[in-house]
Amino acid sequence: MVRTEGWRRPTAVLLPILVVALAYYLGGRIGLLQRVVVDGAEVTPLWLPTGIALASLLWLGLRVWPGIAIGTYLSIEGINGFDLTGLVIVAGNTLAMVCAYLMLRRAGFRTELDRLRDALSLVFLGGLLPMTISATIGTWTLVLSGDLPVAQFWPVWSAWWAGDAMGVIVVTPLLLVLRRVLPARRRGDGYRALEVTALAVCAVAVTLVATRTELSLLFLVFPLIIWAAVRFQLAGSAPCTLLVSVLSISAAIEHVGPFADRSLLETMINLQGLNGAAALTGLLLSALVTEQNNIRLKIEQVCEDLAELVEHLAPGKKPDP
């Protein structure tokens, strides 16, 4: 029995770390498939591992930070090999994720994302602000090592920062909501299932048209995201946002639609503008609707309790013993 307990403790510690490392690495491999290449320059507009890493920290705590470091190492090793420069980049990426987690905890962040303040915290404290750490450390490391000209600092920094931040804003909400939705067992609702199917079909069709036509129709995705957020909250808006992001990146990779004959800067502005606006619209509106629904339910419960109390205290009726 003592020997069995001795084996269980290291396993309980190491297994989550290894799972996080594997998930980070696989997310990195998938993210690299979504590279946009323009005039020989390669940019990853959506870096999935940052969203995976932050969700892992929110679920499991700081004890899994070595998994983020290992996953970053494996990702770098699979691209260009590993050296001292890679070690500094690993430290920067890990530090950024740990800072994001600590700031969210400090702000009282709730993984249910059922308050507007939680959505705003995830955007600013989880994504936009801490990802400047990884982008700054990584870009300066490349400059100081001679792998990057100083003149290219800001273009590379902005692309690095935007990709990391978009990973958090797009992927983390999806993972957080999947953890709640998948185990849930609800009675079938034919009308709601039909609406979900209609939303999915419309989302795919409209996004394909908007991202592959030369006409300026990218705005057509926003009514769909609003529909998903209002009717299904984060469980609807998060998958729609990811769908919009993936299909728009695919169009940018193929240089079709609004991304045809564009420079790298123009492509990234259009792409990150669309993805960022879609993610913010879905995330913030979902949190706002959820918060308002919860407030309404609480008010209804209070009204029911008051009505029951008035009924018991009405003249001519004896209170229950």
C-alpha atoms as a PDB file:
ATOM      1  CA  MET A   1       0.000   0.000   0.000  1.00  0.00           C
ATOM      2  CA  VAL A   2       2.822   2.405   0.841  1.00  0.00           C
ATOM      3  CA  ARG A   3       4.570   1.623  -2.428  1.00  0.00           C
ATOM      4  CA  THR A   4       1.349   2.162  -4.384  1.00  0.00           C
ATOM      5  CA  GLU A   5       0.784   5.565  -2.760  1.00  0.00           C
ATOM      6  CA  GLY A   6       4.381   6.477  -3.511  1.00  0.00           C
ATOM      7  CA  TRP A   7       3.818   5.813  -7.196  1.00  0.00           C
ATOM      8  CA  ARG A   8       0.515   7.656  -7.299  1.00  0.00           C
ATOM      9  CA  ARG A   9       1.869  10.950  -6.000  1.00  0.00           C
ATOM     10  CA  PRO A  10       4.497  11.490  -8.744  1.00  0.00           C
ATOM     11  CA  THR A  11       2.006  10.305 -11.345  1.00  0.00           C
ATOM     12  CA  ALA A  12      -0.631  12.762 -10.130  1.00  0.00           C
ATOM     13  CA  VAL A  13       1.925  15.570 -10.428  1.00  0.00           C
ATOM     14  CA  LEU A  14       3.555  14.606 -13.721  1.00  0.00           C
ATOM     15  CA  LEU A  15       0.519  13.459 -15.704  1.00  0.00           C
ATOM     16  CA  PRO A  16      -1.206  16.898 -15.918  1.00  0.00           C
ATOM     17  CA  ILE A  17       2.118  18.506 -16.876  1.00  0.00           C
ATOM     18  CA  LEU A  18       2.682  16.000 -19.674  1.00  0.00           C
ATOM     19  CA  VAL A  19      -0.902  16.369 -20.915  1.00  0.00           C
ATOM     20  CA  VAL A  20      -0.540  20.167 -21.042  1.00  0.00           C
ATOM     21  CA  ALA A  21       2.810  19.842 -22.842  1.00  0.00           C
ATOM     22  CA  LEU A  22       1.306  17.484 -25.424  1.00  0.00           C
ATOM     23  CA  ALA A  23      -1.753  19.694 -25.944  1.00  0.00           C
ATOM     24  CA  TYR A  24       0.483  22.768 -26.344  1.00  0.00           C
ATOM     25  CA  TYR A  25       2.683  20.981 -28.878  1.00  0.00           C
ATOM     26  CA  LEU A  26      -0.243  19.641 -30.905  1.00  0.00           C
ATOM     27  CA  GLY A  27      -1.864  23.074 -30.863  1.00  0.00           C
ATOM     28  CA  GLY A  28       1.384  24.528 -32.142  1.00  0.00           C
ATOM     29  CA  ARG A  29       1.554  22.019 -34.990  1.00  0.00           C
ATOM     30  CA  ILE A  30      -2.023  22.842 -35.979  1.00  0.00           C
ATOM     31  CA  GLY A  31      -1.315  26.562 -35.692  1.00  0.00           C
ATOM     32  CA  LEU A  32       1.671  26.281 -38.015  1.00  0.00           C
ATOM     33  CA  LEU A  33      -0.619  24.843 -40.663  1.00  0.00           C
ATOM     34  CA  GLN A  34      -2.413  28.213 -40.625  1.00  0.00           C
ATOM     35  CA  ARG A  35       0.650  30.259 -41.548  1.00  0.00           C
ATOM     36  CA  VAL A  36       0.087  33.196 -43.885  1.00  0.00           C
ATOM     37  CA  VAL A  37       2.935  33.596 -46.392  1.00  0.00           C
ATOM     38  CA  VAL A  38       3.233  36.909 -48.272  1.00  0.00           C
ATOM     39  CA  ASP A  39       6.401  37.850 -50.170  1.00  0.00           C
ATOM     40  CA  GLY A  40       8.367  35.156 -48.345  1.00  0.00           C
ATOM     41  CA  ALA A  41       7.321  36.318 -44.857  1.00  0.00           C
ATOM     42  CA  GLU A  42       5.462  33.832 -42.632  1.00  0.00           C
ATOM     43  CA  VAL A  43       2.996  34.907 -39.935  1.00  0.00           C
ATOM     44  CA  THR A  44       0.740  32.828 -37.669  1.00  0.00           C
ATOM     45  CA  PRO A  45      -2.383  34.967 -37.088  1.00  0.00           C
ATOM     46  CA  LEU A  46      -3.905  32.582 -34.518  1.00  0.00           C
ATOM     47  CA  TRP A  47      -1.487  30.874 -32.132  1.00  0.00           C
ATOM     48  CA  LEU A  48      -3.637  28.145 -30.579  1.00  0.00           C
ATOM     49  CA  PRO A  49      -1.191  27.138 -27.782  1.00  0.00           C
ATOM     50  CA  THR A  50      -1.672  30.382 -25.843  1.00  0.00           C
ATOM     51  CA  GLY A  51      -5.383  29.690 -25.505  1.00  0.00           C
ATOM     52  CA  ILE A  52      -4.680  26.081 -24.523  1.00  0.00           C
ATOM     53  CA  ALA A  53      -2.053  27.139 -21.980  1.00  0.00           C
ATOM     54  CA  LEU A  54      -4.247  29.731 -20.258  1.00  0.00           C
ATOM     55  CA  ALA A  55      -7.224  27.362 -20.086  1.00  0.00           C
ATOM     56  CA  SER A  56      -4.954  24.717 -18.554  1.00  0.00           C
ATOM     57  CA  LEU A  57      -3.736  27.144 -15.896  1.00  0.00           C
ATOM     58  CA  LEU A  58      -7.293  28.217 -15.096  1.00  0.00           C
ATOM     59  CA  TRP A  59      -8.357  24.575 -14.717  1.00  0.00           C
ATOM     60  CA  LEU A  60      -5.328  23.079 -12.979  1.00  0.00           C
ATOM     61  CA  GLY A  61      -3.466  25.991 -11.406  1.00  0.00           C
ATOM     62  CA  LEU A  62       0.173  27.045 -11.501  1.00  0.00           C
ATOM     63  CA  ARG A  63       1.407  23.500 -10.922  1.00  0.00           C
ATOM     64  CA  VAL A  64       1.202  22.803 -14.674  1.00  0.00           C
ATOM     65  CA  TRP A  65       3.429  25.686 -15.795  1.00  0.00           C
ATOM     66  CA  PRO A  66       6.302  23.269 -16.605  1.00  0.00           C
ATOM     67  CA  GLY A  67       3.990  21.717 -19.198  1.00  0.00           C
ATOM     68  CA  ILE A  68       3.774  25.092 -20.964  1.00  0.00           C
ATOM     69  CA  ALA A  69       7.562  25.378 -20.957  1.00  0.00           C
ATOM     70  CA  ILE A  70       7.980  21.831 -22.304  1.00  0.00           C
ATOM     71  CA  GLY A  71       5.331  22.400 -24.974  1.00  0.00           C
ATOM     72  CA  THR A  72       7.029  25.631 -26.078  1.00  0.00           C
ATOM     73  CA  TYR A  73      10.380  23.833 -26.247  1.00  0.00           C
ATOM     74  CA  LEU A  74       8.911  21.045 -28.387  1.00  0.00           C
ATOM     75  CA  SER A  75       7.280  23.581 -30.709  1.00  0.00           C
ATOM     76  CA  ILE A  76      10.531  25.500 -31.209  1.00  0.00           C
ATOM     77  CA  GLU A  77      12.524  22.303 -31.617  1.00  0.00           C
ATOM     78  CA  GLY A  78      10.172  21.179 -34.353  1.00  0.00           C
ATOM     79  CA  ILE A  79      10.630  24.449 -36.290  1.00  0.00           C
ATOM     80  CA  ASN A  80      14.267  25.543 -36.227  1.00  0.00           C
ATOM     81  CA  GLY A  81      16.066  23.464 -33.634  1.00  0.00           C
ATOM     82  CA  PHE A  82      16.803  24.595 -30.095  1.00  0.00           C
ATOM     83  CA  ASP A  83      19.579  26.854 -28.768  1.00  0.00           C
ATOM     84  CA  LEU A  84      20.063  29.624 -26.213  1.00  0.00           C
ATOM     85  CA  THR A  85      17.725  31.886 -28.172  1.00  0.00           C
ATOM     86  CA  GLY A  86      15.016  29.245 -27.939  1.00  0.00           C
ATOM     87  CA  LEU A  87      15.559  28.978 -24.180  1.00  0.00           C
ATOM     88  CA  VAL A  88      14.865  32.707 -23.745  1.00  0.00           C
ATOM     89  CA  ILE A  89      11.750  32.449 -25.913  1.00  0.00           C
ATOM     90  CA  VAL A  90      10.528  29.519 -23.796  1.00  0.00           C
ATOM     91  CA  ALA A  91      11.003  31.625 -20.666  1.00  0.00           C
ATOM     92  CA  GLY A  92       9.165  34.575 -22.214  1.00  0.00           C
ATOM     93  CA  ASN A  93       6.193  32.504 -23.369  1.00  0.00           C
ATOM     94  CA  THR A  94       5.891  30.758 -20.003  1.00  0.00           C
ATOM     95  CA  LEU A  95       6.202  34.018 -18.078  1.00  0.00           C
ATOM     96  CA  ALA A  96       3.482  35.627 -20.183  1.00  0.00           C
ATOM     97  CA  MET A  97       1.026  32.796 -19.472  1.00  0.00           C
ATOM     98  CA  VAL A  98       1.805  32.778 -15.738  1.00  0.00           C
ATOM     99  CA  CYS A  99       1.318  36.564 -15.558  1.00  0.00           C
ATOM    100  CA  ALA A 100      -1.993  36.258 -17.415  1.00  0.00           C
ATOM    101  CA  TYR A 101      -3.193  33.633 -14.950  1.00  0.00           C
ATOM    102  CA  LEU A 102      -2.103  35.630 -11.888  1.00  0.00           C
ATOM    103  CA  MET A 103      -3.741  38.826 -13.131  1.00  0.00           C
ATOM    104  CA  LEU A 104      -6.994  37.007 -13.834  1.00  0.00           C
ATOM    105  CA  ARG A 105      -6.953  35.442 -10.381  1.00  0.00           C
ATOM    106  CA  ARG A 106      -6.248  38.834  -8.856  1.00  0.00           C
ATOM    107  CA  ALA A 107      -9.231  40.300 -10.712  1.00  0.00           C
ATOM    108  CA  GLY A 108     -11.570  37.581  -9.392  1.00  0.00           C
ATOM    109  CA  PHE A 109     -12.037  35.974 -12.805  1.00  0.00           C
ATOM    110  CA  ARG A 110     -14.640  33.198 -13.018  1.00  0.00           C
ATOM    111  CA  THR A 111     -14.245  30.499 -15.636  1.00  0.00           C
ATOM    112  CA  GLU A 112     -18.014  30.422 -16.192  1.00  0.00           C
ATOM    113  CA  LEU A 113     -17.644  33.763 -18.030  1.00  0.00           C
ATOM    114  CA  ASP A 114     -21.118  34.683 -16.822  1.00  0.00           C
ATOM    115  CA  ARG A 115     -20.293  38.333 -16.105  1.00  0.00           C
ATOM    116  CA  LEU A 116     -19.261  41.150 -18.393  1.00  0.00           C
ATOM    117  CA  ARG A 117     -16.291  41.878 -16.132  1.00  0.00           C
ATOM    118  CA  ASP A 118     -15.031  38.314 -16.676  1.00  0.00           C
ATOM    119  CA  ALA A 119     -15.095  38.765 -20.450  1.00  0.00           C
ATOM    120  CA  LEU A 120     -13.294  42.104 -20.210  1.00  0.00           C
ATOM    121  CA  SER A 121     -10.730  40.602 -17.834  1.00  0.00           C
ATOM    122  CA  LEU A 122     -10.024  37.751 -20.241  1.00  0.00           C
ATOM    123  CA  VAL A 123      -9.563  40.153 -23.156  1.00  0.00           C
ATOM    124  CA  PHE A 124      -7.297  42.664 -21.418  1.00  0.00           C
ATOM    125  CA  LEU A 125      -5.698  40.839 -18.476  1.00  0.00           C
ATOM    126  CA  GLY A 126      -5.544  37.434 -20.144  1.00  0.00           C
ATOM    127  CA  GLY A 127      -4.804  38.420 -23.731  1.00  0.00           C
ATOM    128  CA  LEU A 128      -3.834  41.910 -24.811  1.00  0.00           C
ATOM    129  CA  LEU A 129      -1.668  42.981 -21.868  1.00  0.00           C
ATOM    130  CA  PRO A 130       0.353  39.876 -20.864  1.00  0.00           C
ATOM    131  CA  MET A 131       1.038  38.823 -24.449  1.00  0.00           C
ATOM    132  CA  THR A 132       3.212  41.919 -24.790  1.00  0.00           C
ATOM    133  CA  ILE A 133       5.670  40.063 -22.530  1.00  0.00           C
ATOM    134  CA  SER A 134       6.145  37.091 -24.839  1.00  0.00           C
ATOM    135  CA  ALA A 135       6.174  39.259 -27.964  1.00  0.00           C
ATOM    136  CA  THR A 136       8.720  41.708 -26.523  1.00  0.00           C
ATOM    137  CA  ILE A 137      11.061  39.076 -25.104  1.00  0.00           C
ATOM    138  CA  GLY A 138      10.833  36.902 -28.202  1.00  0.00           C
ATOM    139  CA  THR A 139      11.341  39.701 -30.725  1.00  0.00           C
ATOM    140  CA  TRP A 140      14.237  41.326 -28.843  1.00  0.00           C
ATOM    141  CA  THR A 141      15.859  37.913 -28.501  1.00  0.00           C
ATOM    142  CA  LEU A 142      15.762  37.455 -32.263  1.00  0.00           C
ATOM    143  CA  VAL A 143      17.166  40.947 -32.797  1.00  0.00           C
ATOM    144  CA  LEU A 144      20.010  40.550 -30.291  1.00  0.00           C
ATOM    145  CA  SER A 145      20.923  37.127 -31.678  1.00  0.00           C
ATOM    146  CA  GLY A 146      21.189  38.570 -35.177  1.00  0.00           C
ATOM    147  CA  ASP A 147      18.333  36.478 -36.568  1.00  0.00           C
ATOM    148  CA  LEU A 148      16.154  39.553 -37.134  1.00  0.00           C
ATOM    149  CA  PRO A 149      17.085  43.009 -38.475  1.00  0.00           C
ATOM    150  CA  VAL A 150      16.250  45.885 -36.160  1.00  0.00           C
ATOM    151  CA  ALA A 151      14.145  47.450 -38.903  1.00  0.00           C
ATOM    152  CA  GLN A 152      11.810  44.443 -38.747  1.00  0.00           C
ATOM    153  CA  PHE A 153      11.280  44.666 -34.979  1.00  0.00           C
ATOM    154  CA  TRP A 154       7.841  46.285 -34.968  1.00  0.00           C
ATOM    155  CA  PRO A 155       6.279  44.233 -37.792  1.00  0.00           C
ATOM    156  CA  VAL A 156       7.430  40.996 -36.148  1.00  0.00           C
ATOM    157  CA  TRP A 157       6.480  42.199 -32.659  1.00  0.00           C
ATOM    158  CA  SER A 158       2.974  43.208 -33.735  1.00  0.00           C
ATOM    159  CA  ALA A 159       2.401  39.908 -35.557  1.00  0.00           C
ATOM    160  CA  TRP A 160       3.731  37.923 -32.578  1.00  0.00           C
ATOM    161  CA  TRP A 161       1.601  39.853 -30.101  1.00  0.00           C
ATOM    162  CA  ALA A 162      -1.556  39.680 -32.225  1.00  0.00           C
ATOM    163  CA  GLY A 163      -1.220  35.937 -32.807  1.00  0.00           C
ATOM    164  CA  ASP A 164      -0.708  35.190 -29.101  1.00  0.00           C
ATOM    165  CA  ALA A 165      -3.527  37.504 -28.022  1.00  0.00           C
ATOM    166  CA  MET A 166      -5.946  36.059 -30.577  1.00  0.00           C
ATOM    167  CA  GLY A 167      -5.135  32.575 -29.329  1.00  0.00           C
ATOM    168  CA  VAL A 168      -6.326  33.583 -25.864  1.00  0.00           C
ATOM    169  CA  ILE A 169      -9.394  35.531 -26.984  1.00  0.00           C
ATOM    170  CA  VAL A 170     -10.609  32.882 -29.454  1.00  0.00           C
ATOM    171  CA  VAL A 171      -9.480  29.534 -28.028  1.00  0.00           C
ATOM    172  CA  THR A 172      -9.669  29.972 -24.239  1.00  0.00           C
ATOM    173  CA  PRO A 173     -13.432  30.785 -24.141  1.00  0.00           C
ATOM    174  CA  LEU A 174     -14.138  27.797 -26.385  1.00  0.00           C
ATOM    175  CA  LEU A 175     -12.217  25.414 -24.121  1.00  0.00           C
ATOM    176  CA  LEU A 176     -13.820  26.838 -20.972  1.00  0.00           C
ATOM    177  CA  VAL A 177     -17.325  26.440 -22.329  1.00  0.00           C
ATOM    178  CA  LEU A 178     -16.638  22.953 -23.726  1.00  0.00           C
ATOM    179  CA  ARG A 179     -15.745  21.769 -20.244  1.00  0.00           C
ATOM    180  CA  ARG A 180     -19.250  22.706 -19.102  1.00  0.00           C
ATOM    181  CA  VAL A 181     -21.252  21.784 -22.191  1.00  0.00           C
ATOM    182  CA  LEU A 182     -19.860  18.328 -22.965  1.00  0.00           C
ATOM    183  CA  PRO A 183     -20.724  16.670 -19.631  1.00  0.00           C
ATOM    184  CA  ALA A 184     -24.125  18.348 -19.505  1.00  0.00           C
ATOM    185  CA  ARG A 185     -27.125  16.144 -20.165  1.00  0.00           C
ATOM    186  CA  ARG A 186     -30.284  17.907 -21.163  1.00  0.00           C
ATOM    187  CA  ARG A 187     -33.551  16.690 -22.497  1.00  0.00           C
ATOM    188  CA  GLY A 188     -33.865  16.984 -26.244  1.00  0.00           C
ATOM    189  CA  ASP A 189     -35.520  20.122 -27.595  1.00  0.00           C
ATOM    190  CA  GLY A 190     -36.451  19.706 -31.231  1.00  0.00           C
ATOM    191  CA  TYR A 191     -36.872  23.407 -31.916  1.00  0.00           C
ATOM    192  CA  ARG A 192     -33.564  24.304 -30.293  1.00  0.00           C
ATOM    193  CA  ALA A 193     -31.737  21.529 -32.158  1.00  0.00           C
ATOM    194  CA  LEU A 194     -33.235  22.800 -35.406  1.00  0.00           C
ATOM    195  CA  GLU A 195     -32.086  26.321 -34.607  1.00  0.00           C
ATOM    196  CA  VAL A 196     -28.557  25.084 -33.833  1.00  0.00           C
ATOM    197  CA  THR A 197     -28.447  23.266 -37.164  1.00  0.00           C
ATOM    198  CA  ALA A 198     -29.693  26.341 -39.024  1.00  0.00           C
ATOM    199  CA  LEU A 199     -27.111  28.514 -37.278  1.00  0.00           C
ATOM    200  CA  ALA A 200     -24.282  26.127 -38.140  1.00  0.00           C
ATOM    201  CA  VAL A 201     -25.282  25.888 -41.805  1.00  0.00           C
ATOM    202  CA  CYS A 202     -25.712  29.653 -42.135  1.00  0.00           C
ATOM    203  CA  ALA A 203     -22.414  30.321 -40.347  1.00  0.00           C
ATOM    204  CA  VAL A 204     -20.430  28.092 -42.708  1.00  0.00           C
ATOM    205  CA  ALA A 205     -22.155  29.341 -45.861  1.00  0.00           C
ATOM    206  CA  VAL A 206     -22.033  33.044 -45.034  1.00  0.00           C
ATOM    207  CA  THR A 207     -18.440  32.947 -43.777  1.00  0.00           C
ATOM    208  CA  LEU A 208     -17.266  31.121 -46.901  1.00  0.00           C
ATOM    209  CA  VAL A 209     -18.942  33.720 -49.105  1.00  0.00           C
ATOM    210  CA  ALA A 210     -17.713  36.678 -47.051  1.00  0.00           C
ATOM    211  CA  THR A 211     -14.092  35.529 -46.953  1.00  0.00           C
ATOM    212  CA  ARG A 212     -13.805  34.339 -50.565  1.00  0.00           C
ATOM    213  CA  THR A 213     -15.580  36.984 -52.572  1.00  0.00           C
ATOM    214  CA  GLU A 214     -13.747  40.066 -53.774  1.00  0.00           C
ATOM    215  CA  LEU A 215     -16.650  42.199 -52.599  1.00  0.00           C
ATOM    216  CA  SER A 216     -16.372  43.844 -49.169  1.00  0.00           C
ATOM    217  CA  LEU A 217     -18.769  41.524 -47.346  1.00  0.00           C
ATOM    218  CA  LEU A 218     -16.807  40.591 -44.232  1.00  0.00           C
ATOM    219  CA  PHE A 219     -19.380  42.408 -42.101  1.00  0.00           C
ATOM    220  CA  LEU A 220     -21.917  39.657 -42.888  1.00  0.00           C
ATOM    221  CA  VAL A 221     -20.398  37.398 -40.215  1.00  0.00           C
ATOM    222  CA  PHE A 222     -21.436  39.702 -37.365  1.00  0.00           C
ATOM    223  CA  PRO A 223     -25.225  39.093 -37.499  1.00  0.00           C
ATOM    224  CA  LEU A 224     -24.444  35.374 -37.183  1.00  0.00           C
ATOM    225  CA  ILE A 225     -22.204  35.906 -34.157  1.00  0.00           C
ATOM    226  CA  ILE A 226     -24.854  38.124 -32.567  1.00  0.00           C
ATOM    227  CA  TRP A 227     -27.489  35.447 -33.235  1.00  0.00           C
ATOM    228  CA  ALA A 228     -25.281  32.801 -31.630  1.00  0.00           C
ATOM    229  CA  ALA A 229     -24.431  34.972 -28.609  1.00  0.00           C
ATOM    230  CA  VAL A 230     -27.997  36.087 -27.893  1.00  0.00           C
ATOM    231  CA  ARG A 231     -29.605  32.679 -28.320  1.00  0.00           C
ATOM    232  CA  PHE A 232     -26.885  30.323 -27.047  1.00  0.00           C
ATOM    233  CA  GLN A 233     -24.425  32.613 -25.246  1.00  0.00           C
ATOM    234  CA  LEU A 234     -20.812  31.441 -25.150  1.00  0.00           C
ATOM    235  CA  ALA A 235     -21.703  27.883 -26.207  1.00  0.00           C
ATOM    236  CA  GLY A 236     -22.843  29.334 -29.537  1.00  0.00           C
ATOM    237  CA  SER A 237     -20.611  32.345 -30.073  1.00  0.00           C
ATOM    238  CA  ALA A 238     -17.284  30.641 -29.256  1.00  0.00           C
ATOM    239  CA  PRO A 239     -17.551  27.973 -32.024  1.00  0.00           C
ATOM    240  CA  CYS A 240     -18.827  30.606 -34.478  1.00  0.00           C
ATOM    241  CA  THR A 241     -15.883  32.849 -33.697  1.00  0.00           C
ATOM    242  CA  LEU A 242     -13.425  30.005 -34.213  1.00  0.00           C
ATOM    243  CA  LEU A 243     -15.124  29.105 -37.494  1.00  0.00           C
ATOM    244  CA  VAL A 244     -14.842  32.702 -38.732  1.00  0.00           C
ATOM    245  CA  SER A 245     -11.194  32.834 -37.705  1.00  0.00           C
ATOM    246  CA  VAL A 246     -10.234  29.526 -39.353  1.00  0.00           C
ATOM    247  CA  LEU A 247     -12.034  30.235 -42.633  1.00  0.00           C
ATOM    248  CA  SER A 248     -10.681  33.784 -42.856  1.00  0.00           C
ATOM    249  CA  ILE A 249      -7.130  32.556 -42.230  1.00  0.00           C
ATOM    250  CA  SER A 250      -7.654  29.877 -44.873  1.00  0.00           C
ATOM    251  CA  ALA A 251      -8.701  32.566 -47.368  1.00  0.00           C
ATOM    252  CA  ALA A 252      -5.638  34.635 -46.451  1.00  0.00           C
ATOM    253  CA  ILE A 253      -3.357  31.627 -46.967  1.00  0.00           C
ATOM    254  CA  GLU A 254      -4.823  31.069 -50.433  1.00  0.00           C
ATOM    255  CA  HIS A 255      -4.779  34.831 -51.204  1.00  0.00           C
ATOM    256  CA  VAL A 256      -8.408  34.867 -52.296  1.00  0.00           C
ATOM    257  CA  GLY A 257     -11.326  37.177 -51.661  1.00  0.00           C
ATOM    258  CA  PRO A 258     -10.480  40.361 -49.740  1.00  0.00           C
ATOM    259  CA  PHE A 259      -6.932  39.033 -49.178  1.00  0.00           C
ATOM    260  CA  ALA A 260      -6.021  38.766 -52.867  1.00  0.00           C
ATOM    261  CA  ASP A 261      -3.113  40.888 -54.105  1.00  0.00           C
ATOM    262  CA  ARG A 262      -2.460  42.341 -50.656  1.00  0.00           C
ATOM    263  CA  SER A 263       0.818  43.047 -48.911  1.00  0.00           C
ATOM    264  CA  LEU A 264       1.650  41.336 -45.639  1.00  0.00           C
ATOM    265  CA  LEU A 265       0.684  44.438 -43.664  1.00  0.00           C
ATOM    266  CA  GLU A 266      -2.644  44.824 -45.462  1.00  0.00           C
ATOM    267  CA  THR A 267      -3.420  41.125 -45.092  1.00  0.00           C
ATOM    268  CA  MET A 268      -2.684  41.141 -41.365  1.00  0.00           C
ATOM    269  CA  ILE A 269      -4.712  44.304 -40.752  1.00  0.00           C
ATOM    270  CA  ASN A 270      -7.749  42.866 -42.538  1.00  0.00           C
ATOM    271  CA  LEU A 271      -7.358  39.456 -40.961  1.00  0.00           C
ATOM    272  CA  GLN A 272      -6.716  40.502 -37.371  1.00  0.00           C
ATOM    273  CA  GLY A 273      -9.319  43.252 -37.616  1.00  0.00           C
ATOM    274  CA  LEU A 274     -11.966  40.723 -38.620  1.00  0.00           C
ATOM    275  CA  ASN A 275     -10.908  38.064 -36.117  1.00  0.00           C
ATOM    276  CA  GLY A 276     -10.512  40.509 -33.261  1.00  0.00           C
ATOM    277  CA  ALA A 277     -13.847  42.209 -33.865  1.00  0.00           C
ATOM    278  CA  ALA A 278     -15.624  38.861 -34.210  1.00  0.00           C
ATOM    279  CA  ALA A 279     -14.056  37.490 -31.018  1.00  0.00           C
ATOM    280  CA  LEU A 280     -14.829  40.605 -28.987  1.00  0.00           C
ATOM    281  CA  THR A 281     -18.407  40.784 -30.272  1.00  0.00           C
ATOM    282  CA  GLY A 282     -19.138  37.159 -29.420  1.00  0.00           C
ATOM    283  CA  LEU A 283     -17.352  37.097 -26.077  1.00  0.00           C
ATOM    284  CA  LEU A 284     -18.631  40.379 -24.666  1.00  0.00           C
ATOM    285  CA  LEU A 285     -22.200  39.977 -25.908  1.00  0.00           C
ATOM    286  CA  SER A 286     -22.377  36.400 -24.603  1.00  0.00           C
ATOM    287  CA  ALA A 287     -21.169  37.454 -21.165  1.00  0.00           C
ATOM    288  CA  LEU A 288     -23.587  40.382 -21.089  1.00  0.00           C
ATOM    289  CA  VAL A 289     -26.593  38.241 -22.074  1.00  0.00           C
ATOM    290  CA  THR A 290     -25.629  35.552 -19.553  1.00  0.00           C
ATOM    291  CA  GLU A 291     -25.270  38.123 -16.795  1.00  0.00           C
ATOM    292  CA  GLN A 292     -28.656  39.665 -17.594  1.00  0.00           C
ATOM    293  CA  ASN A 293     -30.305  36.234 -17.696  1.00  0.00           C
ATOM    294  CA  ASN A 294     -28.865  35.376 -14.289  1.00  0.00           C
ATOM    295  CA  ILE A 295     -30.107  38.672 -12.855  1.00  0.00           C
ATOM    296  CA  ARG A 296     -33.567  38.027 -14.272  1.00  0.00           C
ATOM    297  CA  LEU A 297     -33.652  34.529 -12.760  1.00  0.00           C
ATOM    298  CA  LYS A 298     -32.643  35.902  -9.366  1.00  0.00           C
ATOM    299  CA  ILE A 299     -35.360  38.560  -9.534  1.00  0.00           C
ATOM    300  CA  GLU A 300     -37.945  35.939 -10.502  1.00  0.00           C
ATOM    301  CA  GLN A 301     -36.851  33.755  -7.580  1.00  0.00           C
ATOM    302  CA  VAL A 302     -37.130  36.679  -5.159  1.00  0.00           C
ATOM    303  CA  CYS A 303     -40.609  37.495  -6.510  1.00  0.00           C
ATOM    304  CA  GLU A 304     -41.718  33.890  -6.066  1.00  0.00           C
ATOM    305  CA  ASP A 305     -40.404  33.858  -2.510  1.00  0.00           C
ATOM    306  CA  LEU A 306     -42.219  37.122  -1.724  1.00  0.00           C
ATOM    307  CA  ALA A 307     -45.446  35.851  -3.260  1.00  0.00           C
ATOM    308  CA  GLU A 308     -45.217  32.697  -1.192  1.00  0.00           C
ATOM    309  CA  LEU A 309     -44.589  34.742   1.945  1.00  0.00           C
ATOM    310  CA  VAL A 310     -47.548  37.054   1.235  1.00  0.00           C
ATOM    311  CA  GLU A 311     -49.782  34.042   0.649  1.00  0.00           C
ATOM    312  CA  HIS A 312     -48.840  32.556   4.002  1.00  0.00           C
ATOM    313  CA  LEU A 313     -49.375  35.860   5.807  1.00  0.00           C
ATOM    314  CA  ALA A 314     -52.640  36.776   4.086  1.00  0.00           C
ATOM    315  CA  PRO A 315     -55.630  37.491   6.412  1.00  0.00           C
ATOM    316  CA  GLY A 316     -57.810  34.524   7.123  1.00  0.00           C
ATOM    317  CA  LYS A 317     -55.031  32.020   6.627  1.00  0.00           C
ATOM    318  CA  LYS A 318     -53.122  30.435   9.384  1.00  0.00           C
ATOM    319  CA  PRO A 319     -49.365  30.233   8.944  1.00  0.00           C
ATOM    320  CA  ASP A 320     -47.960  26.772   8.611  1.00  0.00           C
ATOM    321  CA  PRO A 321     -46.741  25.342  11.912  1.00  0.00           C
END
